[in-house]
Each structure stands twice: as C-alpha cells, then as structure tokens.
Amino acid sequence: MKVYQSRLFAKKVKRLNSQEKRVLDREIKKIIGNPEIGVEKKGDLSGIFVHKFKVKTALYLMAYRFTEEYLELIMLGPHENYYRDLKKQLK
C-alpha cells in the first residue's frame, strides 16, 4: 500500500518534535495494518476516516482516506476546530 500525504499534513509533521513523530509513525503503521481502525465520518465528510490518538496528554486527530492501492493522509491536528478546518481543506 502506497502512502501519500497532503501538503497540510506534511507542514504539521514538520512542526512536531522527534518524540511526537515516533508516536505518529506508530499510529500510521497501525492504520496501514488495519485501515478501518478510524471512525468513518458522515455527511460532508463521507469517505473520510478519523483516527484519534494521544501524544503525552494532548489528543490528536488524523484524517485519512484509503483504497486497496493507497492511503492518503489528509490532516493532522488537535481537536479544537479540527472538523471545520478539515472541511475547508477538502473544498
């Protein structure tokens, strides 16, 4: 399975420190192993899955979509205004 990342996702990853990146890599490997681990969204965000995980005490959300050939990482961030920003990103 090929993994693609959006520009916004890549920008957010650049801002993370090394420990946060290790946790993120572990979570991405979990998603590759079982792409349906996240919760599928409905309505405007149908077809998008969101996986929640903790880094230290902060809750992060990672939006992605997948087919059998690829996994597209769309957005990463804290819960605050996450879905509003995700809708903007997809338009």
PDB file of N, CA and C in Angstrom:
ATOM      1  N   MET A   1       0.845  -1.180   0.000  1.00  0.00           N
ATOM      2  CA  MET A   1       0.000   0.000   0.000  1.00  0.00           C
ATOM      3  C   MET A   1       0.887   1.239   0.000  1.00  0.00           C
ATOM      4  N   LYS A   2       0.642   2.114  -0.956  1.00  0.00           N
ATOM      5  CA  LYS A   2       1.395   3.367  -1.029  1.00  0.00           C
ATOM      6  C   LYS A   2       0.757   4.387  -0.093  1.00  0.00           C
ATOM      7  N   VAL A   3       1.597   5.202   0.528  1.00  0.00           N
ATOM      8  CA  VAL A   3       1.120   6.222   1.458  1.00  0.00           C
ATOM      9  C   VAL A   3       1.431   7.596   0.881  1.00  0.00           C
ATOM     10  N   TYR A   4       0.398   8.406   0.735  1.00  0.00           N
ATOM     11  CA  TYR A   4       0.538   9.783   0.260  1.00  0.00           C
ATOM     12  C   TYR A   4       0.152  10.715   1.392  1.00  0.00           C
ATOM     13  N   GLN A   5       0.733  11.915   1.392  1.00  0.00           N
ATOM     14  CA  GLN A   5       0.340  12.907   2.386  1.00  0.00           C
ATOM     15  C   GLN A   5       0.073  14.236   1.710  1.00  0.00           C
ATOM     16  N   SER A   6      -0.913  14.949   2.204  1.00  0.00           N
ATOM     17  CA  SER A   6      -1.237  16.261   1.661  1.00  0.00           C
ATOM     18  C   SER A   6      -0.189  17.272   2.123  1.00  0.00           C
ATOM     19  N   ARG A   7      -0.176  18.418   1.507  1.00  0.00           N
ATOM     20  CA  ARG A   7       0.772  19.476   1.914  1.00  0.00           C
ATOM     21  C   ARG A   7       0.518  19.922   3.341  1.00  0.00           C
ATOM     22  N   LEU A   8      -0.749  20.042   3.687  1.00  0.00           N
ATOM     23  CA  LEU A   8      -1.103  20.469   5.040  1.00  0.00           C
ATOM     24  C   LEU A   8      -0.610  19.455   6.067  1.00  0.00           C
ATOM     25  N   PHE A   9      -0.767  18.173   5.771  1.00  0.00           N
ATOM     26  CA  PHE A   9      -0.289  17.129   6.673  1.00  0.00           C
ATOM     27  C   PHE A   9       1.225  17.222   6.827  1.00  0.00           C
ATOM     28  N   ALA A  10       1.940  17.401   5.719  1.00  0.00           N
ATOM     29  CA  ALA A  10       3.406  17.493   5.760  1.00  0.00           C
ATOM     30  C   ALA A  10       3.863  18.701   6.580  1.00  0.00           C
ATOM     31  N   LYS A  11       3.159  19.832   6.457  1.00  0.00           N
ATOM     32  CA  LYS A  11       3.507  21.024   7.238  1.00  0.00           C
ATOM     33  C   LYS A  11       3.343  20.783   8.727  1.00  0.00           C
ATOM     34  N   LYS A  12       2.256  20.103   9.098  1.00  0.00           N
ATOM     35  CA  LYS A  12       2.018  19.822  10.513  1.00  0.00           C
ATOM     36  C   LYS A  12       3.079  18.873  11.070  1.00  0.00           C
ATOM     37  N   VAL A  13       3.498  17.894  10.268  1.00  0.00           N
ATOM     38  CA  VAL A  13       4.506  16.928  10.720  1.00  0.00           C
ATOM     39  C   VAL A  13       5.839  17.625  10.946  1.00  0.00           C
ATOM     40  N   LYS A  14       6.177  18.606  10.126  1.00  0.00           N
ATOM     41  CA  LYS A  14       7.432  19.342  10.290  1.00  0.00           C
ATOM     42  C   LYS A  14       7.516  20.040  11.640  1.00  0.00           C
ATOM     43  N   ARG A  15       6.377  20.448  12.161  1.00  0.00           N
ATOM     44  CA  ARG A  15       6.353  21.176  13.432  1.00  0.00           C
ATOM     45  C   ARG A  15       6.487  20.263  14.654  1.00  0.00           C
ATOM     46  N   LEU A  16       6.330  18.965  14.468  1.00  0.00           N
ATOM     47  CA  LEU A  16       6.388  18.035  15.600  1.00  0.00           C
ATOM     48  C   LEU A  16       7.826  17.775  16.026  1.00  0.00           C
ATOM     49  N   ASN A  17       8.025  17.497  17.309  1.00  0.00           N
ATOM     50  CA  ASN A  17       9.358  17.121  17.775  1.00  0.00           C
ATOM     51  C   ASN A  17       9.570  15.624  17.536  1.00  0.00           C
ATOM     52  N   SER A  18      10.753  15.118  17.833  1.00  0.00           N
ATOM     53  CA  SER A  18      11.095  13.734  17.485  1.00  0.00           C
ATOM     54  C   SER A  18      10.225  12.712  18.219  1.00  0.00           C
ATOM     55  N   GLN A  19       9.886  12.957  19.474  1.00  0.00           N
ATOM     56  CA  GLN A  19       9.041  12.020  20.206  1.00  0.00           C
ATOM     57  C   GLN A  19       7.639  11.964  19.592  1.00  0.00           C
ATOM     58  N   GLU A  20       7.104  13.126  19.240  1.00  0.00           N
ATOM     59  CA  GLU A  20       5.777  13.172  18.627  1.00  0.00           C
ATOM     60  C   GLU A  20       5.788  12.476  17.268  1.00  0.00           C
ATOM     61  N   LYS A  21       6.876  12.613  16.525  1.00  0.00           N
ATOM     62  CA  LYS A  21       6.979  11.943  15.226  1.00  0.00           C
ATOM     63  C   LYS A  21       7.026  10.427  15.381  1.00  0.00           C
ATOM     64  N   ARG A  22       7.693   9.937  16.429  1.00  0.00           N
ATOM     65  CA  ARG A  22       7.732   8.483  16.672  1.00  0.00           C
ATOM     66  C   ARG A  22       6.330   7.951  16.953  1.00  0.00           C
ATOM     67  N   VAL A  23       5.569   8.674  17.766  1.00  0.00           N
ATOM     68  CA  VAL A  23       4.193   8.268  18.067  1.00  0.00           C
ATOM     69  C   VAL A  23       3.356   8.301  16.793  1.00  0.00           C
ATOM     70  N   LEU A  24       3.530   9.336  15.985  1.00  0.00           N
ATOM     71  CA  LEU A  24       2.796   9.460  14.726  1.00  0.00           C
ATOM     72  C   LEU A  24       3.133   8.301  13.788  1.00  0.00           C
ATOM     73  N   ASP A  25       4.406   7.958  13.655  1.00  0.00           N
ATOM     74  CA  ASP A  25       4.809   6.835  12.797  1.00  0.00           C
ATOM     75  C   ASP A  25       4.156   5.534  13.264  1.00  0.00           C
ATOM     76  N   ARG A  26       4.112   5.323  14.569  1.00  0.00           N
ATOM     77  CA  ARG A  26       3.487   4.122  15.126  1.00  0.00           C
ATOM     78  C   ARG A  26       2.000   4.077  14.769  1.00  0.00           C
ATOM     79  N   GLU A  27       1.333   5.222  14.860  1.00  0.00           N
ATOM     80  CA  GLU A  27      -0.099   5.281  14.548  1.00  0.00           C
ATOM     81  C   GLU A  27      -0.347   5.072  13.054  1.00  0.00           C
ATOM     82  N   ILE A  28       0.524   5.597  12.203  1.00  0.00           N
ATOM     83  CA  ILE A  28       0.383   5.394  10.758  1.00  0.00           C
ATOM     84  C   ILE A  28       0.557   3.915  10.426  1.00  0.00           C
ATOM     85  N   LYS A  29       1.489   3.243  11.077  1.00  0.00           N
ATOM     86  CA  LYS A  29       1.682   1.806  10.858  1.00  0.00           C
ATOM     87  C   LYS A  29       0.447   1.021  11.287  1.00  0.00           C
ATOM     88  N   LYS A  30      -0.202   1.454  12.368  1.00  0.00           N
ATOM     89  CA  LYS A  30      -1.443   0.807  12.794  1.00  0.00           C
ATOM     90  C   LYS A  30      -2.514   0.950  11.712  1.00  0.00           C
ATOM     91  N   ILE A  31      -2.596   2.144  11.127  1.00  0.00           N
ATOM     92  CA  ILE A  31      -3.593   2.401  10.088  1.00  0.00           C
ATOM     93  C   ILE A  31      -3.293   1.568   8.846  1.00  0.00           C
ATOM     94  N   ILE A  32      -2.030   1.452   8.471  1.00  0.00           N
ATOM     95  CA  ILE A  32      -1.663   0.632   7.317  1.00  0.00           C
ATOM     96  C   ILE A  32      -2.054  -0.823   7.564  1.00  0.00           C
ATOM     97  N   GLY A  33      -1.841  -1.302   8.787  1.00  0.00           N
ATOM     98  CA  GLY A  33      -2.207  -2.668   9.140  1.00  0.00           C
ATOM     99  C   GLY A  33      -3.704  -2.905   9.133  1.00  0.00           C
ATOM    100  N   ASN A  34      -4.479  -1.924   9.570  1.00  0.00           N
ATOM    101  CA  ASN A  34      -5.935  -2.036   9.620  1.00  0.00           C
ATOM    102  C   ASN A  34      -6.537  -0.670   9.289  1.00  0.00           C
ATOM    103  N   PRO A  35      -6.778  -0.376   8.006  1.00  0.00           N
ATOM    104  CA  PRO A  35      -7.256   0.958   7.615  1.00  0.00           C
ATOM    105  C   PRO A  35      -8.604   1.356   8.210  1.00  0.00           C
ATOM    106  N   GLU A  36      -9.385   0.399   8.662  1.00  0.00           N
ATOM    107  CA  GLU A  36     -10.692   0.733   9.213  1.00  0.00           C
ATOM    108  C   GLU A  36     -10.642   0.976  10.716  1.00  0.00           C
ATOM    109  N   ILE A  37      -9.442   1.215  11.258  1.00  0.00           N
ATOM    110  CA  ILE A  37      -9.276   1.474  12.695  1.00  0.00           C
ATOM    111  C   ILE A  37      -9.925   2.795  13.095  1.00  0.00           C
ATOM    112  N   GLY A  38      -9.966   3.752  12.191  1.00  0.00           N
ATOM    113  CA  GLY A  38     -10.573   5.049  12.483  1.00  0.00           C
ATOM    114  C   GLY A  38     -12.085   4.999  12.330  1.00  0.00           C
ATOM    115  N   VAL A  39     -12.725   6.095  12.638  1.00  0.00           N
ATOM    116  CA  VAL A  39     -14.185   6.206  12.544  1.00  0.00           C
ATOM    117  C   VAL A  39     -14.520   6.905  11.231  1.00  0.00           C
ATOM    118  N   GLU A  40     -15.392   6.274  10.435  1.00  0.00           N
ATOM    119  CA  GLU A  40     -15.791   6.895   9.169  1.00  0.00           C
ATOM    120  C   GLU A  40     -16.786   8.015   9.443  1.00  0.00           C
ATOM    121  N   LYS A  41     -16.577   9.143   8.810  1.00  0.00           N
ATOM    122  CA  LYS A  41     -17.436  10.301   9.007  1.00  0.00           C
ATOM    123  C   LYS A  41     -18.607  10.272   8.029  1.00  0.00           C
ATOM    124  N   LYS A  42     -19.639  11.022   8.355  1.00  0.00           N
ATOM    125  CA  LYS A  42     -20.855  11.059   7.546  1.00  0.00           C
ATOM    126  C   LYS A  42     -21.088  12.473   7.044  1.00  0.00           C
ATOM    127  N   GLY A  43     -22.025  12.609   6.134  1.00  0.00           N
ATOM    128  CA  GLY A  43     -22.404  13.920   5.626  1.00  0.00           C
ATOM    129  C   GLY A  43     -21.349  14.500   4.706  1.00  0.00           C
ATOM    130  N   ASP A  44     -20.928  15.734   4.962  1.00  0.00           N
ATOM    131  CA  ASP A  44     -19.937  16.420   4.132  1.00  0.00           C
ATOM    132  C   ASP A  44     -18.611  15.672   4.080  1.00  0.00           C
ATOM    133  N   LEU A  45     -18.304  14.944   5.118  1.00  0.00           N
ATOM    134  CA  LEU A  45     -17.010  14.264   5.229  1.00  0.00           C
ATOM    135  C   LEU A  45     -17.110  12.763   4.946  1.00  0.00           C
ATOM    136  N   SER A  46     -18.115  12.344   4.201  1.00  0.00           N
ATOM    137  CA  SER A  46     -18.259  10.904   3.941  1.00  0.00           C
ATOM    138  C   SER A  46     -17.059  10.399   3.147  1.00  0.00           C
ATOM    139  N   GLY A  47     -16.612   9.209   3.492  1.00  0.00           N
ATOM    140  CA  GLY A  47     -15.431   8.623   2.859  1.00  0.00           C
ATOM    141  C   GLY A  47     -14.135   8.951   3.573  1.00  0.00           C
ATOM    142  N   ILE A  48     -14.204   9.838   4.561  1.00  0.00           N
ATOM    143  CA  ILE A  48     -13.033  10.229   5.338  1.00  0.00           C
ATOM    144  C   ILE A  48     -13.073   9.483   6.678  1.00  0.00           C
ATOM    145  N   PHE A  49     -11.937   8.948   7.076  1.00  0.00           N
ATOM    146  CA  PHE A  49     -11.810   8.289   8.371  1.00  0.00           C
ATOM    147  C   PHE A  49     -10.972   9.173   9.282  1.00  0.00           C
ATOM    148  N   VAL A  50     -11.305   9.196  10.571  1.00  0.00           N
ATOM    149  CA  VAL A  50     -10.549   9.973  11.547  1.00  0.00           C
ATOM    150  C   VAL A  50     -10.093   9.025  12.655  1.00  0.00           C
ATOM    151  N   HIS A  51      -8.784   9.029  12.883  1.00  0.00           N
ATOM    152  CA  HIS A  51      -8.186   8.200  13.933  1.00  0.00           C
ATOM    153  C   HIS A  51      -7.704   9.122  15.043  1.00  0.00           C
ATOM    154  N   LYS A  52      -8.103   8.823  16.291  1.00  0.00           N
ATOM    155  CA  LYS A  52      -7.716   9.639  17.443  1.00  0.00           C
ATOM    156  C   LYS A  52      -6.619   8.923  18.212  1.00  0.00           C
ATOM    157  N   PHE A  53      -5.616   9.696  18.657  1.00  0.00           N
ATOM    158  CA  PHE A  53      -4.546   9.133  19.472  1.00  0.00           C
ATOM    159  C   PHE A  53      -3.964  10.221  20.356  1.00  0.00           C
ATOM    160  N   LYS A  54      -3.288   9.798  21.423  1.00  0.00           N
ATOM    161  CA  LYS A  54      -2.711  10.745  22.376  1.00  0.00           C
ATOM    162  C   LYS A  54      -1.207  10.820  22.224  1.00  0.00           C
ATOM    163  N   VAL A  55      -0.688  12.024  22.335  1.00  0.00           N
ATOM    164  CA  VAL A  55       0.743  12.282  22.424  1.00  0.00           C
ATOM    165  C   VAL A  55       0.918  13.016  23.745  1.00  0.00           C
ATOM    166  N   LYS A  56       1.585  12.358  24.687  1.00  0.00           N
ATOM    167  CA  LYS A  56       1.665  12.846  26.070  1.00  0.00           C
ATOM    168  C   LYS A  56       0.243  13.022  26.595  1.00  0.00           C
ATOM    169  N   THR A  57      -0.205  14.237  26.801  1.00  0.00           N
ATOM    170  CA  THR A  57      -1.569  14.455  27.287  1.00  0.00           C
ATOM    171  C   THR A  57      -2.471  15.057  26.223  1.00  0.00           C
ATOM    172  N   ALA A  58      -1.922  15.397  25.066  1.00  0.00           N
ATOM    173  CA  ALA A  58      -2.702  16.040  24.008  1.00  0.00           C
ATOM    174  C   ALA A  58      -3.372  14.997  23.115  1.00  0.00           C
ATOM    175  N   LEU A  59      -4.635  15.236  22.778  1.00  0.00           N
ATOM    176  CA  LEU A  59      -5.372  14.362  21.878  1.00  0.00           C
ATOM    177  C   LEU A  59      -5.212  14.891  20.456  1.00  0.00           C
ATOM    178  N   TYR A  60      -4.719  14.047  19.568  1.00  0.00           N
ATOM    179  CA  TYR A  60      -4.551  14.404  18.164  1.00  0.00           C
ATOM    180  C   TYR A  60      -5.527  13.620  17.321  1.00  0.00           C
ATOM    181  N   LEU A  61      -5.949  14.215  16.214  1.00  0.00           N
ATOM    182  CA  LEU A  61      -6.814  13.555  15.258  1.00  0.00           C
ATOM    183  C   LEU A  61      -6.095  13.511  13.918  1.00  0.00           C
ATOM    184  N   MET A  62      -6.218  12.393  13.218  1.00  0.00           N
ATOM    185  CA  MET A  62      -5.592  12.240  11.911  1.00  0.00           C
ATOM    186  C   MET A  62      -6.675  11.809  10.920  1.00  0.00           C
ATOM    187  N   ALA A  63      -6.894  12.613   9.896  1.00  0.00           N
ATOM    188  CA  ALA A  63      -7.888  12.309   8.868  1.00  0.00           C
ATOM    189  C   ALA A  63      -7.194  11.641   7.694  1.00  0.00           C
ATOM    190  N   TYR A  64      -7.843  10.610   7.151  1.00  0.00           N
ATOM    191  CA  TYR A  64      -7.274   9.894   6.014  1.00  0.00           C
ATOM    192  C   TYR A  64      -8.382   9.228   5.215  1.00  0.00           C
ATOM    193  N   ARG A  65      -8.042   8.830   3.998  1.00  0.00           N
ATOM    194  CA  ARG A  65      -8.928   8.006   3.188  1.00  0.00           C
ATOM    195  C   ARG A  65      -8.069   6.954   2.512  1.00  0.00           C
ATOM    196  N   PHE A  66      -8.691   5.872   2.104  1.00  0.00           N
ATOM    197  CA  PHE A  66      -7.898   4.776   1.560  1.00  0.00           C
ATOM    198  C   PHE A  66      -8.674   3.969   0.528  1.00  0.00           C
ATOM    199  N   THR A  67      -7.901   3.293  -0.312  1.00  0.00           N
ATOM    200  CA  THR A  67      -8.403   2.242  -1.191  1.00  0.00           C
ATOM    201  C   THR A  67      -7.441   1.069  -1.002  1.00  0.00           C
ATOM    202  N   GLU A  68      -7.594   0.049  -1.798  1.00  0.00           N
ATOM    203  CA  GLU A  68      -6.682  -1.089  -1.658  1.00  0.00           C
ATOM    204  C   GLU A  68      -5.272  -0.749  -2.111  1.00  0.00           C
ATOM    205  N   GLU A  69      -5.122   0.256  -2.988  1.00  0.00           N
ATOM    206  CA  GLU A  69      -3.813   0.616  -3.522  1.00  0.00           C
ATOM    207  C   GLU A  69      -3.087   1.676  -2.713  1.00  0.00           C
ATOM    208  N   TYR A  70      -3.826   2.596  -2.084  1.00  0.00           N
ATOM    209  CA  TYR A  70      -3.152   3.721  -1.424  1.00  0.00           C
ATOM    210  C   TYR A  70      -3.844   4.134  -0.129  1.00  0.00           C
ATOM    211  N   LEU A  71      -3.075   4.870   0.662  1.00  0.00           N
ATOM    212  CA  LEU A  71      -3.558   5.517   1.878  1.00  0.00           C
ATOM    213  C   LEU A  71      -3.188   6.990   1.755  1.00  0.00           C
ATOM    214  N   GLU A  72      -4.171   7.868   1.828  1.00  0.00           N
ATOM    215  CA  GLU A  72      -3.922   9.307   1.724  1.00  0.00           C
ATOM    216  C   GLU A  72      -4.118   9.950   3.089  1.00  0.00           C
ATOM    217  N   LEU A  73      -3.059  10.515   3.639  1.00  0.00           N
ATOM    218  CA  LEU A  73      -3.111  11.213   4.924  1.00  0.00           C
ATOM    219  C   LEU A  73      -3.472  12.667   4.627  1.00  0.00           C
ATOM    220  N   ILE A  74      -4.595  13.107   5.124  1.00  0.00           N
ATOM    221  CA  ILE A  74      -5.129  14.419   4.749  1.00  0.00           C
ATOM    222  C   ILE A  74      -4.764  15.514   5.741  1.00  0.00           C
ATOM    223  N   MET A  75      -5.021  15.259   7.036  1.00  0.00           N
ATOM    224  CA  MET A  75      -4.827  16.333   8.007  1.00  0.00           C
ATOM    225  C   MET A  75      -4.523  15.766   9.384  1.00  0.00           C
ATOM    226  N   LEU A  76      -3.737  16.501  10.138  1.00  0.00           N
ATOM    227  CA  LEU A  76      -3.343  16.132  11.488  1.00  0.00           C
ATOM    228  C   LEU A  76      -3.474  17.359  12.369  1.00  0.00           C
ATOM    229  N   GLY A  77      -3.993  17.179  13.587  1.00  0.00           N
ATOM    230  CA  GLY A  77      -4.067  18.322  14.485  1.00  0.00           C
ATOM    231  C   GLY A  77      -4.840  18.025  15.749  1.00  0.00           C
ATOM    232  N   PRO A  78      -4.868  18.997  16.662  1.00  0.00           N
ATOM    233  CA  PRO A  78      -5.647  18.854  17.894  1.00  0.00           C
ATOM    234  C   PRO A  78      -7.141  18.990  17.590  1.00  0.00           C
ATOM    235  N   HIS A  79      -7.971  18.645  18.549  1.00  0.00           N
ATOM    236  CA  HIS A  79      -9.418  18.597  18.324  1.00  0.00           C
ATOM    237  C   HIS A  79     -10.046  19.965  18.068  1.00  0.00           C
ATOM    238  N   GLU A  80      -9.462  21.007  18.605  1.00  0.00           N
ATOM    239  CA  GLU A  80     -10.052  22.337  18.502  1.00  0.00           C
ATOM    240  C   GLU A  80     -10.183  22.781  17.047  1.00  0.00           C
ATOM    241  N   ASN A  81     -11.411  23.034  16.601  1.00  0.00           N
ATOM    242  CA  ASN A  81     -11.739  23.479  15.241  1.00  0.00           C
ATOM    243  C   ASN A  81     -11.271  22.503  14.161  1.00  0.00           C
ATOM    244  N   TYR A  82     -11.052  21.261  14.504  1.00  0.00           N
ATOM    245  CA  TYR A  82     -10.484  20.282  13.567  1.00  0.00           C
ATOM    246  C   TYR A  82     -11.414  20.022  12.386  1.00  0.00           C
ATOM    247  N   TYR A  83     -12.673  19.743  12.661  1.00  0.00           N
ATOM    248  CA  TYR A  83     -13.587  19.384  11.587  1.00  0.00           C
ATOM    249  C   TYR A  83     -13.904  20.574  10.683  1.00  0.00           C
ATOM    250  N   ARG A  84     -13.950  21.765  11.243  1.00  0.00           N
ATOM    251  CA  ARG A  84     -14.146  22.968  10.427  1.00  0.00           C
ATOM    252  C   ARG A  84     -12.986  23.131   9.452  1.00  0.00           C
ATOM    253  N   ASP A  85     -11.755  22.993   9.957  1.00  0.00           N
ATOM    254  CA  ASP A  85     -10.579  23.125   9.101  1.00  0.00           C
ATOM    255  C   ASP A  85     -10.497  21.989   8.088  1.00  0.00           C
ATOM    256  N   LEU A  86     -10.935  20.800   8.468  1.00  0.00           N
ATOM    257  CA  LEU A  86     -10.921  19.664   7.546  1.00  0.00           C
ATOM    258  C   LEU A  86     -11.853  19.903   6.376  1.00  0.00           C
ATOM    259  N   LYS A  87     -13.023  20.449   6.658  1.00  0.00           N
ATOM    260  CA  LYS A  87     -13.970  20.760   5.572  1.00  0.00           C
ATOM    261  C   LYS A  87     -13.375  21.789   4.616  1.00  0.00           C
ATOM    262  N   LYS A  88     -12.693  22.808   5.163  1.00  0.00           N
ATOM    263  CA  LYS A  88     -12.030  23.815   4.308  1.00  0.00           C
ATOM    264  C   LYS A  88     -10.962  23.175   3.441  1.00  0.00           C
ATOM    265  N   GLN A  89     -10.197  22.256   4.018  1.00  0.00           N
ATOM    266  CA  GLN A  89      -9.107  21.588   3.309  1.00  0.00           C
ATOM    267  C   GLN A  89      -9.632  20.765   2.140  1.00  0.00           C
ATOM    268  N   LEU A  90     -10.784  20.149   2.297  1.00  0.00           N
ATOM    269  CA  LEU A  90     -11.321  19.266   1.261  1.00  0.00           C
ATOM    270  C   LEU A  90     -12.007  20.013   0.131  1.00  0.00           C
ATOM    271  N   LYS A  91     -12.336  21.286   0.333  1.00  0.00           N
ATOM    272  CA  LYS A  91     -13.011  22.040  -0.737  1.00  0.00           C
ATOM    273  C   LYS A  91     -12.051  22.521  -1.776  1.00  0.00           C
TER     274      LYS A  91
END
